[in-house]
N, C-alpha and C. Protein backbone atom coordinates (compact mmCIF):
# COMPACT_ATOMS: atom_id res chain seq x y z
N UNK A 1 -9.54 -4.51 14.16
CA UNK A 1 -9.66 -3.95 12.88
C UNK A 1 -9.21 -2.45 13.46
N UNK A 2 -8.63 -1.83 13.00
CA UNK A 2 -8.60 -0.14 13.09
C UNK A 2 -8.71 0.85 12.31
N UNK A 3 -9.44 2.14 12.24
CA UNK A 3 -9.22 2.82 10.73
C UNK A 3 -8.98 4.25 11.26
N UNK A 4 -7.61 4.73 10.13
CA UNK A 4 -6.88 5.89 10.42
C UNK A 4 -7.32 6.88 9.04
N UNK A 5 -7.48 8.02 9.54
CA UNK A 5 -7.42 8.99 8.02
C UNK A 5 -6.30 9.63 8.08
N UNK A 6 -5.70 10.22 7.05
CA UNK A 6 -4.97 10.62 6.76
C UNK A 6 -4.21 11.83 6.35
N UNK A 7 -3.49 12.68 5.79
CA UNK A 7 -3.81 13.91 5.40
C UNK A 7 -4.31 14.22 4.36
N UNK A 8 -4.73 13.18 3.58
CA UNK A 8 -5.68 13.36 2.86
C UNK A 8 -7.02 13.07 2.84
N UNK A 9 -7.34 12.61 4.11
CA UNK A 9 -8.63 12.57 4.60
C UNK A 9 -9.50 11.09 4.04
N UNK A 10 -8.08 10.34 3.84
CA UNK A 10 -8.44 8.93 3.43
C UNK A 10 -8.68 8.21 4.13
N UNK A 11 -9.41 6.94 4.02
CA UNK A 11 -9.24 6.19 5.16
C UNK A 11 -9.00 5.03 4.79
N UNK A 12 -7.87 4.68 5.58
CA UNK A 12 -6.95 3.62 6.15
C UNK A 12 -7.03 2.91 6.67
N UNK A 13 -6.81 1.39 6.59
CA UNK A 13 -7.31 0.55 7.50
C UNK A 13 -6.04 -0.21 8.27
N UNK A 14 -5.98 -0.93 9.21
CA UNK A 14 -4.89 -1.42 10.05
C UNK A 14 -5.67 -3.16 10.40
N UNK A 15 -5.52 -4.05 9.69
CA UNK A 15 -6.61 -5.04 10.15
C UNK A 15 -5.14 -5.68 11.29
N UNK A 16 -6.22 -6.62 11.86
CA UNK A 16 -5.86 -7.14 13.33
C UNK A 16 -3.75 -7.87 13.02
N UNK A 17 -4.30 -8.36 11.81
CA UNK A 17 -3.09 -9.24 11.54
C UNK A 17 -2.24 -8.10 11.26
N UNK A 18 -2.15 -7.19 10.58
CA UNK A 18 -1.07 -6.04 10.20
C UNK A 18 -0.41 -5.75 12.11
N UNK A 19 -1.47 -5.65 12.70
CA UNK A 19 -0.98 -4.79 13.21
C UNK A 19 0.21 -5.53 14.65
N UNK A 20 -0.77 -7.16 14.49
CA UNK A 20 0.25 -8.17 15.24
C UNK A 20 1.50 -8.10 14.46
N UNK A 21 1.58 -8.28 13.25
CA UNK A 21 2.88 -8.47 12.68
C UNK A 21 3.86 -6.66 12.92
N UNK A 22 3.33 -5.23 13.07
CA UNK A 22 4.10 -4.52 13.37
C UNK A 22 4.60 -4.80 14.86
N UNK A 23 3.76 -5.18 15.73
CA UNK A 23 4.43 -5.60 17.13
C UNK A 23 5.22 -6.41 17.17
N UNK A 24 5.10 -7.52 16.46
CA UNK A 24 5.88 -8.86 16.58
C UNK A 24 7.44 -8.64 15.98
N UNK A 25 7.32 -8.08 14.40
CA UNK A 25 8.43 -7.79 13.99
C UNK A 25 9.27 -6.36 14.11
N UNK A 26 8.54 -5.67 15.38
CA UNK A 26 9.26 -4.69 15.42
C UNK A 26 8.24 -4.10 16.71
N UNK A 27 9.45 -5.37 17.81
CA UNK A 27 8.56 -4.93 19.31
C UNK A 27 9.08 -3.36 19.81
N UNK A 28 9.61 -2.48 19.12
CA UNK A 28 9.19 -1.32 19.74
C UNK A 28 8.48 -0.28 19.65
N UNK A 29 7.44 -1.30 18.44
CA UNK A 29 6.28 -0.55 17.95
C UNK A 29 4.86 -0.46 18.70
N UNK A 30 5.65 -1.61 19.89
CA UNK A 30 4.14 -2.25 20.63
C UNK A 30 3.64 -1.09 21.31
N UNK A 31 2.35 -0.48 21.42
CA UNK A 31 1.97 0.30 22.33
C UNK A 31 2.04 2.25 21.60
N UNK A 32 2.42 1.72 20.09
CA UNK A 32 2.38 3.30 19.27
C UNK A 32 1.65 3.40 18.18
N UNK A 33 0.27 3.39 18.60
CA UNK A 33 -0.56 3.21 17.77
C UNK A 33 -0.99 4.93 16.91
N UNK A 34 -1.41 5.30 18.60
CA UNK A 34 -1.48 6.94 18.55
C UNK A 34 -0.36 7.85 17.54
N UNK A 35 1.09 7.56 17.78
CA UNK A 35 2.47 7.58 16.62
C UNK A 35 1.97 7.11 15.28
N UNK A 36 1.32 6.11 15.06
CA UNK A 36 0.49 6.03 13.31
C UNK A 36 -0.14 6.62 13.51
N UNK A 37 -1.21 7.09 13.88
CA UNK A 37 -2.08 7.79 14.15
C UNK A 37 -1.52 8.96 13.62
N UNK A 38 -1.24 9.93 14.10
CA UNK A 38 -0.43 11.99 13.94
C UNK A 38 0.19 11.05 13.26
N UNK A 39 1.18 10.34 12.61
CA UNK A 39 2.23 10.20 11.33
C UNK A 39 1.37 10.31 10.10
N UNK A 40 0.26 9.50 10.45
CA UNK A 40 -0.60 9.48 8.72
C UNK A 40 -1.33 10.84 8.57
N UNK A 41 -1.76 11.75 10.29
CA UNK A 41 -2.67 13.22 9.50
C UNK A 41 -1.74 13.96 9.56
N UNK A 42 -0.50 14.20 10.18
CA UNK A 42 0.66 15.10 10.30
C UNK A 42 2.21 15.01 9.86
N UNK A 43 1.99 14.21 8.94
CA UNK A 43 3.68 13.69 8.55
C UNK A 43 4.68 15.19 8.17
N UNK A 44 5.68 14.75 8.51
CA UNK A 44 6.70 15.71 7.88
C UNK A 44 7.15 15.56 6.19
N UNK A 45 7.12 14.00 5.56
CA UNK A 45 7.29 14.00 4.25
C UNK A 45 6.01 13.05 3.66
N UNK A 46 5.98 12.48 2.55
CA UNK A 46 5.06 11.51 2.11
C UNK A 46 6.19 10.71 0.91
N UNK A 47 6.57 9.78 0.39
CA UNK A 47 7.38 9.44 -0.18
C UNK A 47 7.12 8.64 -1.07
N UNK A 48 6.96 8.10 -2.44
CA UNK A 48 6.21 7.03 -3.13
C UNK A 48 7.39 6.04 -3.65
N UNK A 49 7.11 4.93 -2.77
CA UNK A 49 8.10 3.56 -3.26
C UNK A 49 9.02 3.39 -4.13
N UNK A 50 9.83 3.37 -4.29
CA UNK A 50 10.60 3.24 -5.48
C UNK A 50 10.54 1.95 -5.99
N UNK A 51 10.23 1.07 -5.07
CA UNK A 51 9.67 -0.46 -5.73
C UNK A 51 8.36 -0.65 -5.74
N UNK A 52 7.44 0.02 -5.47
CA UNK A 52 5.93 -0.01 -5.39
C UNK A 52 5.30 0.60 -5.58
N UNK A 53 4.59 1.54 -6.68
CA UNK A 53 4.03 2.61 -7.40
C UNK A 53 2.83 3.03 -6.07
N UNK A 54 2.40 1.43 -6.43
CA UNK A 54 1.10 1.89 -5.17
C UNK A 54 1.54 1.85 -3.74
N UNK A 55 2.72 1.96 -3.35
CA UNK A 55 3.34 1.55 -2.06
C UNK A 55 3.48 3.69 -1.55
N UNK A 56 2.75 4.28 -0.59
CA UNK A 56 3.38 5.57 -0.23
C UNK A 56 3.68 5.18 1.34
N UNK A 57 5.24 6.06 1.86
CA UNK A 57 5.58 6.25 3.14
C UNK A 57 5.62 7.11 3.83
N UNK A 58 5.01 7.10 4.61
CA UNK A 58 4.57 8.43 5.98
C UNK A 58 5.58 8.71 6.76
N UNK A 59 6.09 9.86 6.80
CA UNK A 59 7.62 9.62 7.82
C UNK A 59 7.17 11.07 8.86
N UNK A 60 7.39 10.60 9.37
CA UNK A 60 7.48 12.02 11.16
C UNK A 60 8.79 11.36 11.97
N UNK A 61 8.83 12.74 12.57
CA UNK A 61 10.11 12.75 13.03
C UNK A 61 9.83 12.71 14.48
N UNK A 62 10.44 12.01 15.50
CA UNK A 62 9.74 12.32 16.80
C UNK A 62 11.61 12.11 17.52
N UNK A 63 11.29 13.18 18.46
CA UNK A 63 12.52 12.92 19.30
C UNK A 63 12.41 12.06 20.25
N UNK A 64 12.02 11.35 20.78
CA UNK A 64 11.32 10.91 21.79
C UNK A 64 10.75 9.28 21.28
N UNK A 65 11.34 8.08 21.56
CA UNK A 65 11.06 7.11 21.26
C UNK A 65 11.10 6.39 21.91
N UNK A 66 10.81 4.68 22.07
CA UNK A 66 11.58 3.30 22.47
C UNK A 66 12.87 3.45 21.97
N UNK A 67 13.38 3.72 21.18
CA UNK A 67 14.65 3.39 20.26
C UNK A 67 15.25 4.91 20.18
N UNK A 68 15.26 5.29 21.08
CA UNK A 68 15.90 7.26 21.03
C UNK A 68 15.02 7.68 19.99
N UNK A 69 16.03 8.91 19.55
CA UNK A 69 15.53 10.02 18.29
C UNK A 69 15.46 8.99 16.78
N UNK A 70 14.02 9.09 16.50
CA UNK A 70 13.81 8.51 15.07
C UNK A 70 12.83 9.42 13.90
N UNK A 71 12.76 8.54 13.29
CA UNK A 71 11.21 9.26 12.41
C UNK A 71 10.41 7.73 12.26
N UNK A 72 9.96 7.58 12.18
CA UNK A 72 8.40 6.74 12.36
C UNK A 72 8.32 6.43 10.59
N UNK A 73 7.88 5.54 9.99
CA UNK A 73 7.86 4.90 8.97
C UNK A 73 6.40 4.59 8.47
N UNK A 74 5.05 4.81 8.48
CA UNK A 74 4.20 4.19 8.15
C UNK A 74 4.13 4.02 6.31
N UNK A 75 4.17 2.20 5.98
CA UNK A 75 3.92 1.88 5.11
C UNK A 75 2.59 1.39 4.60
N UNK A 76 1.70 2.64 3.49
CA UNK A 76 0.62 2.61 3.14
C UNK A 76 0.93 1.84 1.66
N UNK A 77 -0.58 0.69 1.09
CA UNK A 77 -0.40 0.63 0.02
C UNK A 77 -1.81 1.11 -0.21
N UNK A 78 -2.00 2.02 -1.77
CA UNK A 78 -3.10 2.56 -1.92
C UNK A 78 -3.65 1.67 -3.42
N UNK A 79 -4.45 1.29 -3.17
CA UNK A 79 -5.31 0.82 -4.62
C UNK A 79 -6.50 1.59 -4.62
N UNK A 80 -7.74 1.36 -5.88
CA UNK A 80 -7.92 1.81 -5.99
C UNK A 80 -9.52 1.61 -5.27
N UNK A 81 -9.85 0.50 -5.03
CA UNK A 81 -11.19 0.34 -3.67
C UNK A 81 -10.43 -0.08 -2.03
N UNK A 82 -9.24 -0.02 -1.60
CA UNK A 82 -9.13 -0.08 -0.51
C UNK A 82 -7.33 0.35 -0.17
N UNK A 83 -7.31 1.11 1.01
CA UNK A 83 -6.47 1.41 1.31
C UNK A 83 -6.08 0.92 2.98
N UNK A 84 -4.42 0.19 2.97
CA UNK A 84 -4.37 -0.46 3.94
C UNK A 84 -2.91 -0.25 4.10
N UNK A 85 -2.69 -0.19 5.71
CA UNK A 85 -1.01 -0.23 6.60
C UNK A 85 -0.26 -1.73 5.84
N UNK A 86 0.60 -1.79 5.69
CA UNK A 86 1.92 -2.82 5.54
C UNK A 86 2.52 -2.96 6.62
N UNK A 87 2.80 -1.98 6.89
CA UNK A 87 3.87 -2.06 8.31
C UNK A 87 4.55 -1.38 8.47
N UNK A 88 4.75 -0.80 9.92
CA UNK A 88 5.15 0.55 10.53
C UNK A 88 6.25 0.19 11.37
N UNK A 89 7.56 1.42 11.38
CA UNK A 89 8.59 1.08 12.17
C UNK A 89 9.33 2.50 12.30
N UNK A 90 10.41 2.35 13.43
CA UNK A 90 11.18 3.47 13.68
C UNK A 90 12.51 3.27 12.53
N UNK A 91 13.34 4.73 12.20
CA UNK A 91 14.13 4.47 10.92
C UNK A 91 14.52 5.55 11.49
N UNK A 92 15.94 5.88 10.95
CA UNK A 92 16.99 6.70 11.01
C UNK A 92 17.13 7.69 10.07
N UNK A 93 16.58 7.59 8.53
CA UNK A 93 16.53 7.89 6.93
C UNK A 93 15.17 7.30 6.83
N UNK A 94 14.95 8.69 5.67
CA UNK A 94 13.77 8.54 4.71
C UNK A 94 14.10 8.49 3.59
N UNK A 95 13.41 7.13 3.14
CA UNK A 95 14.03 6.67 2.04
C UNK A 95 13.84 7.17 0.51
N UNK A 96 14.58 7.20 -0.87
CA UNK A 96 14.50 7.93 -1.67
C UNK A 96 13.35 7.71 -2.32
N UNK A 97 12.34 8.44 -3.53
CA UNK A 97 11.89 8.28 -3.65
C UNK A 97 10.92 9.71 -4.14
N UNK A 98 9.99 9.42 -5.30
CA UNK A 98 9.48 10.76 -5.14
C UNK A 98 8.79 11.15 -4.36
N UNK A 99 8.94 12.89 -3.96
CA UNK A 99 8.35 13.40 -2.95
C UNK A 99 6.69 13.74 -3.20
N UNK A 100 5.94 12.90 -2.51
CA UNK A 100 4.52 13.42 -2.87
C UNK A 100 3.66 14.49 -2.24
N UNK A 101 4.21 14.95 -0.89
CA UNK A 101 4.58 15.63 0.17
C UNK A 101 4.96 15.97 1.17
N UNK A 102 5.36 17.15 0.99
CA UNK A 102 6.58 17.91 2.39
C UNK A 102 5.84 19.20 3.00
N UNK A 103 6.04 18.76 4.50
CA UNK A 103 5.38 20.03 5.08
C UNK A 103 6.50 20.86 4.87
N UNK A 104 5.84 22.26 4.83
CA UNK A 104 6.41 23.35 4.61
C UNK A 104 7.01 24.27 5.62
């Protein structure tokens, strides 16, 4: 298990099972742990999921990724007693939803 901090200094866990899911379902994410940490600590924008109010989507733009210029989206479940990463993937678009934080 790995632990990260986000821009609000919250401890966020990434289980071995979730890391395996990320790297298996999104093979371009292999070796991208440093980018996950950077996205949590220094995102461009954080959006609340429209389908689950307990999920926050952290986005950071990268000019260079294994799949060209993309945003990295780190999907985090926020519960009272637990905060953990569900998945992470590269994407072209930021999903719609309530903006919780945006870089100025």
